[in-house]
């Protein structure tokens, strides 16, 4: 018997060897094509633009500091003082817009991040406007915010700011809508000359809702007096029910150096920075304080958008305290980052007092946003 190598195959005489065809079964081919199509379709869907905007923490700037070597707030024609600590303005970075659509993939990614928010595009941008128009509108709001902040800061320091008060519109429900018109200039009320918003507010505060008052105005170059009734607004103040565009005549030059940031939400922090720069002593006590909020020339602090992203941005920038508009408190509760103490503010005077309390370490009685 002859030995054979173990590797040599042994064939039975009637064995038939069959081989599989290299051609795919039709059903398998269809399934593979369908899977490939589904993958391509899914990839296409997640890359398609969608009508959402993504809010993320934006740059944080110290109003007492510098931007590219230039003081963010510079004042000439008036004595200024050294400052320390920080009074940070906070911002929101917006991804998306009319000409910069986000994709579904970007939306999914934002949904997974606690620091981001996904909102309908129309909640951030006016329908029908272009990106250029939106940026121009934001730039105009920033300029107006800076002027209001300057006026509010100077009035808070007892510095007179002559102001031309021009009627921009009226509340349709106000009696004044019947007698006051757009572009009227308010000169006086009940024989009292009105030189700024503070004087108008003080004069009206001495009346009761429904009282008849005589308003001296300049209309198309002619001075005249009209009669109307006062009303009470939602805050309980006595008002005429008109919207005013103020034109300030500042007694010295206040410049705010800031670029590529728009909107009105930095107003309160601008005002605090100006107050600190114009007053001796150290307003912050060296503490790191951030905040946000619009501000009217009379010092009223108003709500803003993107408060949760601003809280995160402030915490990441090293702030210990955050000044938040009272009307944003419902968005703040349960969303305060660890290590950040949030103080509720309604006016510039209150915000200033709160900063002084923080500087002194007397924070127990500061108002907070509570559920």
Protein backbone atom coordinates (compact mmCIF):
# COMPACT_ATOMS: atom_id res chain seq x y z
CA UNK A 1 0.00 0.00 0.00
CA UNK A 2 1.36 3.35 -1.02
CA UNK A 3 1.34 6.18 1.44
CA UNK A 4 -0.14 9.49 0.25
CA UNK A 5 0.57 12.94 1.53
CA UNK A 6 -2.15 14.04 3.91
CA UNK A 7 -2.60 17.22 1.88
CA UNK A 8 -3.47 15.42 -1.31
CA UNK A 9 -7.18 15.33 -1.99
CA UNK A 10 -8.87 12.00 -2.50
CA UNK A 11 -11.72 11.84 -4.99
CA UNK A 12 -14.33 9.17 -5.24
CA UNK A 13 -14.72 8.10 -8.84
CA UNK A 14 -18.33 9.32 -9.06
CA UNK A 15 -17.90 12.53 -6.99
CA UNK A 16 -19.04 15.64 -8.75
CA UNK A 17 -17.70 19.03 -7.64
CA UNK A 18 -20.08 21.92 -7.91
CA UNK A 19 -19.08 25.60 -7.72
CA UNK A 20 -21.24 28.58 -6.66
CA UNK A 21 -21.90 31.08 -9.29
CA UNK A 22 -20.25 34.49 -8.77
CA UNK A 23 -23.48 36.16 -9.93
CA UNK A 24 -25.64 37.74 -7.13
CA UNK A 25 -29.06 36.41 -6.49
CA UNK A 26 -31.59 38.97 -7.86
CA UNK A 27 -33.31 39.36 -4.49
CA UNK A 28 -29.99 40.03 -2.74
CA UNK A 29 -29.03 42.62 -5.35
CA UNK A 30 -32.31 44.47 -4.86
CA UNK A 31 -31.84 44.52 -1.09
CA UNK A 32 -28.29 45.85 -1.40
CA UNK A 33 -29.38 48.62 -3.76
CA UNK A 34 -32.25 49.55 -1.44
CA UNK A 35 -29.89 49.75 1.54
CA UNK A 36 -27.45 51.90 -0.42
CA UNK A 37 -30.29 54.19 -1.48
CA UNK A 38 -31.48 54.49 2.12
CA UNK A 39 -27.99 55.41 3.29
CA UNK A 40 -27.61 58.04 0.58
CA UNK A 41 -31.08 59.41 1.28
CA UNK A 42 -30.35 59.63 5.02
CA UNK A 43 -27.09 61.45 4.34
CA UNK A 44 -28.90 63.85 2.03
CA UNK A 45 -31.64 64.53 4.60
CA UNK A 46 -29.26 65.39 7.45
CA UNK A 47 -27.37 67.77 5.17
CA UNK A 48 -30.45 69.58 3.92
CA UNK A 49 -30.95 73.15 5.24
CA UNK A 50 -33.76 73.58 7.78
CA UNK A 51 -35.61 76.60 9.17
CA UNK A 52 -34.05 76.60 12.60
CA UNK A 53 -31.47 78.74 14.37
CA UNK A 54 -28.97 77.48 16.92
CA UNK A 55 -28.09 79.60 19.95
CA UNK A 56 -24.71 79.06 21.60
CA UNK A 57 -22.66 80.97 24.20
CA UNK A 58 -20.94 83.90 22.48
CA UNK A 59 -17.99 86.17 23.35
CA UNK A 60 -17.77 87.67 26.85
CA UNK A 61 -16.25 91.17 27.07
CA UNK A 62 -15.25 93.16 30.13
CA UNK A 63 -16.73 96.66 29.86
CA UNK A 64 -13.91 97.84 32.14
CA UNK A 65 -11.28 96.26 29.90
CA UNK A 66 -9.86 96.63 26.42
CA UNK A 67 -10.59 95.29 22.95
CA UNK A 68 -7.44 94.91 20.81
CA UNK A 69 -5.61 97.39 23.03
CA UNK A 70 -8.40 99.99 23.00
CA UNK A 71 -10.53 100.59 26.11
CA UNK A 72 -14.04 99.29 25.53
CA UNK A 73 -15.34 102.44 27.26
CA UNK A 74 -13.38 105.66 26.76
CA UNK A 75 -14.48 109.03 28.16
CA UNK A 76 -13.04 112.45 27.33
CA UNK A 77 -13.97 115.83 28.78
CA UNK A 78 -14.64 114.45 32.25
CA UNK A 79 -12.44 113.06 35.05
CA UNK A 80 -12.26 109.27 35.12
CA UNK A 81 -10.98 106.78 37.68
CA UNK A 82 -9.11 103.50 37.76
CA UNK A 83 -11.23 100.36 37.97
CA UNK A 84 -10.64 96.71 38.83
CA UNK A 85 -12.52 93.44 38.62
CA UNK A 86 -14.84 92.81 35.71
CA UNK A 87 -18.26 93.94 34.57
CA UNK A 88 -18.71 91.49 31.71
CA UNK A 89 -21.27 91.83 28.97
CA UNK A 90 -22.40 88.46 27.66
CA UNK A 91 -23.53 87.54 24.16
CA UNK A 92 -25.15 84.76 22.18
CA UNK A 93 -23.68 83.29 19.01
CA UNK A 94 -26.43 82.56 16.46
CA UNK A 95 -25.91 79.91 13.83
CA UNK A 96 -28.38 80.08 10.96
CA UNK A 97 -30.41 82.82 9.33
CA UNK A 98 -31.90 83.81 5.98
CA UNK A 99 -28.69 83.30 4.00
CA UNK A 100 -26.88 80.93 6.36
CA UNK A 101 -29.18 77.97 6.88
CA UNK A 102 -28.26 75.23 9.32
CA UNK A 103 -28.54 71.54 8.46
CA UNK A 104 -30.50 68.85 10.24
CA UNK A 105 -27.19 67.30 11.29
CA UNK A 106 -26.21 70.56 13.01
CA UNK A 107 -29.61 70.68 14.70
CA UNK A 108 -29.21 67.11 16.00
CA UNK A 109 -25.76 68.00 17.33
CA UNK A 110 -27.10 71.12 19.09
CA UNK A 111 -29.94 69.13 20.69
CA UNK A 112 -27.31 66.95 22.36
CA UNK A 113 -25.51 69.92 23.95
CA UNK A 114 -26.79 71.49 27.18
CA UNK A 115 -25.19 74.83 26.28
CA UNK A 116 -27.05 75.13 22.94
CA UNK A 117 -30.67 75.79 22.06
CA UNK A 118 -32.56 75.10 18.84
CA UNK A 119 -35.29 77.64 18.06
CA UNK A 120 -37.49 78.41 15.05
CA UNK A 121 -35.71 80.74 12.65
CA UNK A 122 -38.56 83.28 12.81
CA UNK A 123 -38.06 83.71 16.56
CA UNK A 124 -34.65 85.25 15.85
CA UNK A 125 -34.99 86.74 12.36
CA UNK A 126 -37.82 88.80 10.92
CA UNK A 127 -39.53 86.76 8.15
CA UNK A 128 -38.57 87.99 4.70
CA UNK A 129 -35.50 89.97 5.73
CA UNK A 130 -32.03 89.22 4.39
CA UNK A 131 -28.95 88.48 6.49
CA UNK A 132 -27.62 91.94 5.58
CA UNK A 133 -30.82 93.62 6.75
CA UNK A 134 -30.76 91.64 9.99
CA UNK A 135 -27.16 92.64 10.71
CA UNK A 136 -27.94 96.30 9.95
CA UNK A 137 -30.90 96.18 12.34
CA UNK A 138 -28.76 94.63 15.08
CA UNK A 139 -26.06 97.27 14.56
CA UNK A 140 -28.67 100.05 14.89
CA UNK A 141 -30.01 98.47 18.09
CA UNK A 142 -26.48 98.33 19.50
CA UNK A 143 -25.92 102.03 18.76
CA UNK A 144 -29.24 102.96 20.36
CA UNK A 145 -28.40 100.76 23.36
CA UNK A 146 -25.09 102.54 23.86
CA UNK A 147 -26.79 105.95 23.80
CA UNK A 148 -29.48 104.86 26.27
CA UNK A 149 -26.83 103.31 28.52
CA UNK A 150 -24.82 106.52 28.51
CA UNK A 151 -27.89 108.64 29.29
CA UNK A 152 -29.00 106.27 32.07
CA UNK A 153 -25.50 106.24 33.62
CA UNK A 154 -25.19 110.02 33.59
CA UNK A 155 -28.65 110.54 35.06
CA UNK A 156 -27.85 107.97 37.76
CA UNK A 157 -24.85 110.14 38.65
CA UNK A 158 -26.94 113.32 38.69
CA UNK A 159 -25.46 114.65 35.45
CA UNK A 160 -28.00 116.50 33.31
CA UNK A 161 -28.43 115.29 29.74
CA UNK A 162 -30.50 117.71 27.62
CA UNK A 163 -32.78 115.61 25.43
CA UNK A 164 -35.12 116.23 22.53
CA UNK A 165 -38.16 113.99 22.99
CA UNK A 166 -39.75 113.14 19.66
CA UNK A 167 -42.97 111.12 19.42
CA UNK A 168 -42.32 107.92 17.46
CA UNK A 169 -45.87 106.59 17.84
CA UNK A 170 -48.76 106.19 20.24
CA UNK A 171 -50.60 103.39 22.00
CA UNK A 172 -53.89 103.08 20.09
CA UNK A 173 -55.69 102.65 23.43
CA UNK A 174 -54.25 105.87 24.87
CA UNK A 175 -56.28 109.12 24.81
CA UNK A 176 -53.08 110.79 23.57
CA UNK A 177 -53.46 108.90 20.28
CA UNK A 178 -56.21 111.37 19.39
CA UNK A 179 -54.08 114.49 19.79
CA UNK A 180 -50.39 113.60 19.50
CA UNK A 181 -48.78 112.63 16.21
CA UNK A 182 -45.56 111.05 15.01
CA UNK A 183 -42.66 113.58 14.95
CA UNK A 184 -44.24 115.88 17.55
CA UNK A 185 -41.58 117.16 19.96
CA UNK A 186 -42.57 117.23 23.64
CA UNK A 187 -41.64 120.59 25.22
CA UNK A 188 -43.62 120.67 28.46
CA UNK A 189 -46.46 119.25 30.56
CA UNK A 190 -48.84 121.39 32.65
CA UNK A 191 -46.54 124.41 32.44
CA UNK A 192 -43.46 122.42 33.47
CA UNK A 193 -40.65 122.47 30.89
CA UNK A 194 -39.51 118.99 29.92
CA UNK A 195 -35.83 118.66 29.09
CA UNK A 196 -35.35 114.90 29.35
CA UNK A 197 -37.11 111.62 30.00
CA UNK A 198 -36.52 111.84 33.76
CA UNK A 199 -38.37 115.16 33.95
CA UNK A 200 -41.27 113.78 31.88
CA UNK A 201 -41.53 110.75 34.14
CA UNK A 202 -41.38 112.85 37.32
CA UNK A 203 -44.00 115.30 36.07
CA UNK A 204 -46.42 112.54 35.08
CA UNK A 205 -45.84 110.69 38.36
CA UNK A 206 -47.41 113.67 40.15
CA UNK A 207 -50.73 113.01 38.36
CA UNK A 208 -53.29 110.21 38.56
CA UNK A 209 -54.41 107.92 35.73
CA UNK A 210 -57.20 109.66 33.86
CA UNK A 211 -56.12 113.21 34.85
CA UNK A 212 -56.25 115.79 32.11
CA UNK A 213 -52.90 117.36 31.29
CA UNK A 214 -51.83 120.06 28.86
CA UNK A 215 -48.91 119.04 26.67
CA UNK A 216 -46.85 121.70 24.91
CA UNK A 217 -45.41 120.42 21.65
CA UNK A 218 -43.60 121.57 18.55
CA UNK A 219 -45.22 120.29 15.37
CA UNK A 220 -43.80 121.12 11.94
CA UNK A 221 -41.95 124.09 13.45
CA UNK A 222 -45.03 125.51 15.22
CA UNK A 223 -45.41 125.44 19.01
CA UNK A 224 -48.88 124.58 20.30
CA UNK A 225 -50.59 123.11 23.37
CA UNK A 226 -52.93 120.12 23.31
CA UNK A 227 -54.99 118.51 26.08
CA UNK A 228 -55.13 114.79 26.79
CA UNK A 229 -55.56 112.33 29.65
CA UNK A 230 -52.93 110.21 31.34
CA UNK A 231 -53.14 106.43 31.68
CA UNK A 232 -51.54 103.65 33.71
CA UNK A 233 -49.15 101.22 32.03
CA UNK A 234 -48.59 97.55 32.88
CA UNK A 235 -45.91 98.48 35.43
CA UNK A 236 -48.31 100.76 37.30
CA UNK A 237 -46.68 104.01 36.14
CA UNK A 238 -48.65 107.04 34.99
CA UNK A 239 -47.84 107.71 31.33
CA UNK A 240 -49.14 109.46 28.25
CA UNK A 241 -49.17 106.24 26.22
CA UNK A 242 -46.65 107.42 23.62
CA UNK A 243 -43.43 106.00 22.23
CA UNK A 244 -40.50 108.40 22.27
CA UNK A 245 -37.30 108.59 20.26
CA UNK A 246 -34.83 110.56 22.41
CA UNK A 247 -32.05 112.66 20.89
CA UNK A 248 -29.40 113.18 23.58
CA UNK A 249 -27.03 116.13 23.87
CA UNK A 250 -24.31 114.62 26.05
CA UNK A 251 -22.19 117.12 28.03
CA UNK A 252 -18.98 115.18 27.29
CA UNK A 253 -17.82 112.41 24.98
CA UNK A 254 -18.45 108.75 25.83
CA UNK A 255 -17.28 106.21 23.25
CA UNK A 256 -17.87 102.47 23.33
CA UNK A 257 -15.46 100.45 21.22
CA UNK A 258 -17.12 97.24 20.12
CA UNK A 259 -17.44 95.50 16.76
CA UNK A 260 -19.21 92.47 15.31
CA UNK A 261 -21.72 92.40 18.16
CA UNK A 262 -25.26 93.67 17.68
CA UNK A 263 -28.53 94.00 19.55
CA UNK A 264 -29.55 95.93 22.66
CA UNK A 265 -28.88 93.38 25.42
CA UNK A 266 -25.55 94.82 26.62
CA UNK A 267 -27.14 98.11 27.72
CA UNK A 268 -27.17 97.52 31.47
CA UNK A 269 -23.53 96.37 31.58
CA UNK A 270 -22.46 99.37 29.47
CA UNK A 271 -24.22 101.66 31.95
CA UNK A 272 -22.55 100.02 34.95
CA UNK A 273 -19.16 100.28 33.24
CA UNK A 274 -19.68 104.01 32.61
CA UNK A 275 -20.80 104.59 36.21
CA UNK A 276 -17.71 102.79 37.53
CA UNK A 277 -15.38 104.70 35.20
CA UNK A 278 -16.82 108.08 36.27
CA UNK A 279 -16.83 107.48 40.03
CA UNK A 280 -13.94 107.25 42.51
CA UNK A 281 -13.43 104.01 44.37
CA UNK A 282 -13.82 100.47 43.19
CA UNK A 283 -17.41 99.55 42.34
CA UNK A 284 -16.78 95.81 41.96
CA UNK A 285 -14.32 95.34 44.81
CA UNK A 286 -12.22 93.33 42.36
CA UNK A 287 -14.97 90.74 41.89
CA UNK A 288 -15.82 89.13 38.55
CA UNK A 289 -19.40 90.10 37.72
CA UNK A 290 -21.24 89.43 34.47
CA UNK A 291 -24.74 90.26 33.32
CA UNK A 292 -27.14 91.17 30.59
CA UNK A 293 -30.25 93.28 30.01
CA UNK A 294 -31.52 96.09 27.86
CA UNK A 295 -31.75 99.50 29.43
CA UNK A 296 -33.96 102.49 28.82
CA UNK A 297 -32.63 106.00 29.28
CA UNK A 298 -34.60 106.22 32.53
CA UNK A 299 -32.66 103.23 33.92
CA UNK A 300 -35.28 100.51 33.47
CA UNK A 301 -33.70 97.09 32.82
CA UNK A 302 -35.51 94.93 30.27
CA UNK A 303 -35.47 91.23 29.25
CA UNK A 304 -33.29 89.69 26.57
CA UNK A 305 -33.00 86.48 24.57
CA UNK A 306 -30.59 83.59 25.04
CA UNK A 307 -30.28 83.99 28.83
CA UNK A 308 -29.29 80.34 29.39
CA UNK A 309 -26.46 80.53 26.86
CA UNK A 310 -25.26 83.75 28.48
CA UNK A 311 -25.19 82.11 31.90
CA UNK A 312 -22.96 79.35 30.53
CA UNK A 313 -20.72 81.86 28.75
CA UNK A 314 -20.35 83.92 31.95
CA UNK A 315 -19.48 80.86 34.05
CA UNK A 316 -16.92 79.68 31.47
CA UNK A 317 -15.35 83.16 31.45
CA UNK A 318 -14.82 82.98 35.21
CA UNK A 319 -17.66 85.17 36.50
CA UNK A 320 -18.77 84.60 40.09
CA UNK A 321 -21.98 86.63 39.89
CA UNK A 322 -24.51 87.29 37.15
CA UNK A 323 -27.02 90.16 36.97
CA UNK A 324 -30.17 88.93 35.20
CA UNK A 325 -33.26 90.95 34.21
CA UNK A 326 -36.20 90.17 36.49
CA UNK A 327 -38.38 89.37 33.47
CA UNK A 328 -35.99 86.56 32.49
CA UNK A 329 -36.17 84.81 35.86
CA UNK A 330 -38.60 82.14 34.64
CA UNK A 331 -35.92 81.00 32.13
CA UNK A 332 -33.14 81.14 34.72
CA UNK A 333 -34.64 78.96 37.45
CA UNK A 334 -33.21 75.43 37.39
CA UNK A 335 -30.68 76.37 34.68
CA UNK A 336 -27.98 78.12 36.73
CA UNK A 337 -24.50 76.67 36.11
CA UNK A 338 -22.61 75.45 39.15
CA UNK A 339 -20.54 78.17 40.80
CA UNK A 340 -22.57 81.09 39.47
CA UNK A 341 -24.68 83.31 41.76
CA UNK A 342 -27.55 84.93 39.80
CA UNK A 343 -29.03 88.23 41.04
CA UNK A 344 -32.39 89.55 39.79
CA UNK A 345 -32.36 93.21 38.69
CA UNK A 346 -35.02 95.67 37.53
CA UNK A 347 -33.30 99.07 37.39
CA UNK A 348 -29.82 100.51 36.97
CA UNK A 349 -29.92 101.99 40.48
CA UNK A 350 -30.67 98.55 41.90
CA UNK A 351 -27.97 96.90 39.78
CA UNK A 352 -25.45 99.43 41.04
CA UNK A 353 -26.44 98.79 44.66
CA UNK A 354 -26.21 95.04 44.07
CA UNK A 355 -22.68 95.36 42.66
CA UNK A 356 -21.68 97.44 45.69
CA UNK A 357 -23.10 94.76 47.99
CA UNK A 358 -21.17 92.07 46.12
CA UNK A 359 -17.99 94.16 46.45
CA UNK A 360 -18.50 94.32 50.20
CA UNK A 361 -19.30 90.61 50.47
CA UNK A 362 -22.79 91.40 51.77
CA UNK A 363 -24.77 89.14 49.41
CA UNK A 364 -27.19 87.31 51.69
CA UNK A 365 -30.12 89.66 51.03
CA UNK A 366 -29.62 90.14 47.30
CA UNK A 367 -32.75 89.32 45.26
CA UNK A 368 -32.52 86.06 43.34
CA UNK A 369 -34.57 84.33 40.67
CA UNK A 370 -36.70 81.80 42.53
CA UNK A 371 -39.22 79.18 41.42
